[in-house]
Amino acid sequence: METVTATELHDRTSQLTEQAMRDPERPIVVEKHGKAAVVLVDARYFEGLIETLDLLSDPSALKQLRDGLEDERAGRVMSFNKLMEELGLDERKTGRSRNHRKRGSVASRNR
């Protein structure tokens, strides 16, 4: 984690903001009077942290996560790619991606 003073933040706001957005897993601590005051972090990364904390604070959701991880370790689940292959929807074999649209569908909706 990088640490800057409040004065540095003032002088380099644009640069530090870009840095936080470019490398969201490395927040920037802003000190005021020699003590950590605030943290500059990418907004989407912050939202993800809040969602994770919310999820982990819900006992029911936490149990479901733990059960799912146990199912995965025990081999009781199938990967998405394996499922698609089993259903005959494997992109490599059909040549179509999941996001494939017929030509003209967007244009016809926009008329």
Protein backbone atom coordinates (compact mmCIF):
# COMPACT_ATOMS: atom_id res chain seq x y z
CA MET A 1 0.00 0.00 0.00
CA GLU A 2 1.27 3.41 -0.92
CA THR A 3 0.95 6.21 1.61
CA VAL A 4 0.70 9.89 0.71
CA THR A 5 0.00 13.03 2.69
CA ALA A 6 -3.18 15.05 2.29
CA THR A 7 -1.06 17.75 0.62
CA GLU A 8 0.28 15.21 -1.89
CA LEU A 9 -3.27 14.08 -2.62
CA HIS A 10 -4.25 17.69 -3.26
CA ASP A 11 -1.30 18.25 -5.57
CA ARG A 12 -1.57 14.91 -7.41
CA THR A 13 -5.30 14.13 -7.31
CA SER A 14 -5.60 13.20 -10.97
CA GLN A 15 -2.47 11.04 -10.99
CA LEU A 16 -3.35 9.22 -7.76
CA THR A 17 -6.95 8.66 -8.90
CA GLU A 18 -5.72 7.10 -12.15
CA GLN A 19 -3.27 4.97 -10.20
CA ALA A 20 -6.00 3.69 -7.86
CA MET A 21 -8.22 2.86 -10.83
CA ARG A 22 -5.41 1.17 -12.77
CA ASP A 23 -4.29 -0.99 -9.83
CA PRO A 24 -7.41 -1.47 -7.67
CA GLU A 25 -5.85 -4.04 -5.37
CA ARG A 26 -3.29 -1.49 -4.15
CA PRO A 27 -5.22 1.19 -2.26
CA ILE A 28 -3.56 4.49 -1.43
CA VAL A 29 -3.61 5.57 2.22
CA VAL A 30 -3.87 9.31 2.76
CA GLU A 31 -2.34 10.57 5.99
CA LYS A 32 -3.29 13.73 7.79
CA HIS A 33 -1.07 14.96 10.62
CA GLY A 34 0.95 11.75 10.34
CA LYS A 35 -1.98 9.39 10.81
CA ALA A 36 -4.01 7.39 8.29
CA ALA A 37 -7.15 9.41 7.54
CA VAL A 38 -8.73 8.00 4.38
CA VAL A 39 -8.07 5.40 1.71
CA LEU A 40 -8.22 6.08 -2.02
CA VAL A 41 -9.50 3.00 -3.83
CA ASP A 42 -11.22 2.24 -7.14
CA ALA A 43 -15.01 2.59 -6.75
CA ARG A 44 -15.87 -0.77 -8.35
CA TYR A 45 -13.30 -2.52 -6.17
CA PHE A 46 -14.77 -0.82 -3.09
CA GLU A 47 -18.30 -1.90 -4.08
CA GLY A 48 -17.03 -5.46 -4.43
CA LEU A 49 -15.50 -5.32 -0.96
CA ILE A 50 -18.77 -4.06 0.53
CA GLU A 51 -20.74 -6.79 -1.26
CA THR A 52 -18.29 -9.41 0.00
CA LEU A 53 -18.57 -8.14 3.58
CA ASP A 54 -22.35 -8.13 3.29
CA LEU A 55 -22.37 -11.68 1.97
CA LEU A 56 -19.96 -12.95 4.62
CA SER A 57 -21.99 -11.32 7.40
CA ASP A 58 -25.11 -13.29 6.38
CA PRO A 59 -24.96 -16.68 8.14
CA SER A 60 -27.26 -18.34 5.59
CA ALA A 61 -25.25 -17.08 2.62
CA LEU A 62 -21.99 -18.05 4.31
CA LYS A 63 -23.31 -21.59 4.87
CA GLN A 64 -24.32 -21.84 1.21
CA LEU A 65 -20.83 -20.71 0.15
CA ARG A 66 -19.19 -23.25 2.44
CA ASP A 67 -21.51 -26.01 1.24
CA GLY A 68 -20.73 -25.13 -2.37
CA LEU A 69 -16.99 -25.19 -1.74
CA GLU A 70 -17.34 -28.57 -0.04
CA ASP A 71 -19.38 -29.87 -2.99
CA GLU A 72 -16.64 -28.71 -5.33
CA ARG A 73 -13.89 -30.36 -3.26
CA ALA A 74 -15.90 -33.60 -3.11
CA GLY A 75 -16.45 -33.61 -6.89
CA ARG A 76 -20.23 -33.21 -6.65
CA VAL A 77 -20.39 -30.28 -9.06
CA MET A 78 -19.64 -29.82 -12.75
CA SER A 79 -17.86 -26.85 -14.30
CA PHE A 80 -19.80 -24.55 -16.62
CA ASN A 81 -17.65 -25.59 -19.58
CA LYS A 82 -18.21 -29.29 -18.84
CA LEU A 83 -21.97 -28.70 -18.55
CA MET A 84 -22.06 -26.86 -21.87
CA GLU A 85 -20.14 -29.72 -23.47
CA GLU A 86 -22.52 -32.32 -21.95
CA LEU A 87 -25.52 -30.38 -23.31
CA GLY A 88 -23.95 -30.15 -26.75
CA LEU A 89 -23.57 -26.39 -26.46
CA ASP A 90 -19.79 -26.33 -26.45
CA GLU A 91 -18.70 -23.11 -28.22
CA ARG A 92 -15.68 -24.79 -29.76
CA LYS A 93 -17.88 -27.36 -31.49
CA THR A 94 -20.81 -25.14 -32.50
CA GLY A 95 -18.69 -22.16 -33.55
CA ARG A 96 -21.15 -19.83 -31.80
CA SER A 97 -20.50 -17.82 -28.69
CA ARG A 98 -23.07 -17.36 -25.91
CA ASN A 99 -23.34 -13.69 -26.92
CA HIS A 100 -24.08 -14.52 -30.55
CA ARG A 101 -26.97 -12.58 -32.10
CA LYS A 102 -28.56 -12.93 -35.48
CA ARG A 103 -27.57 -10.25 -37.93
CA GLY A 104 -30.00 -7.37 -38.11
CA SER A 105 -31.62 -7.99 -34.73
CA VAL A 106 -30.20 -4.80 -33.23
CA ALA A 107 -30.94 -2.69 -36.30
CA SER A 108 -34.52 -3.93 -36.51
CA ARG A 109 -35.16 -3.00 -32.87
CA ASN A 110 -33.75 0.48 -33.41
CA ARG A 111 -36.09 1.42 -36.27
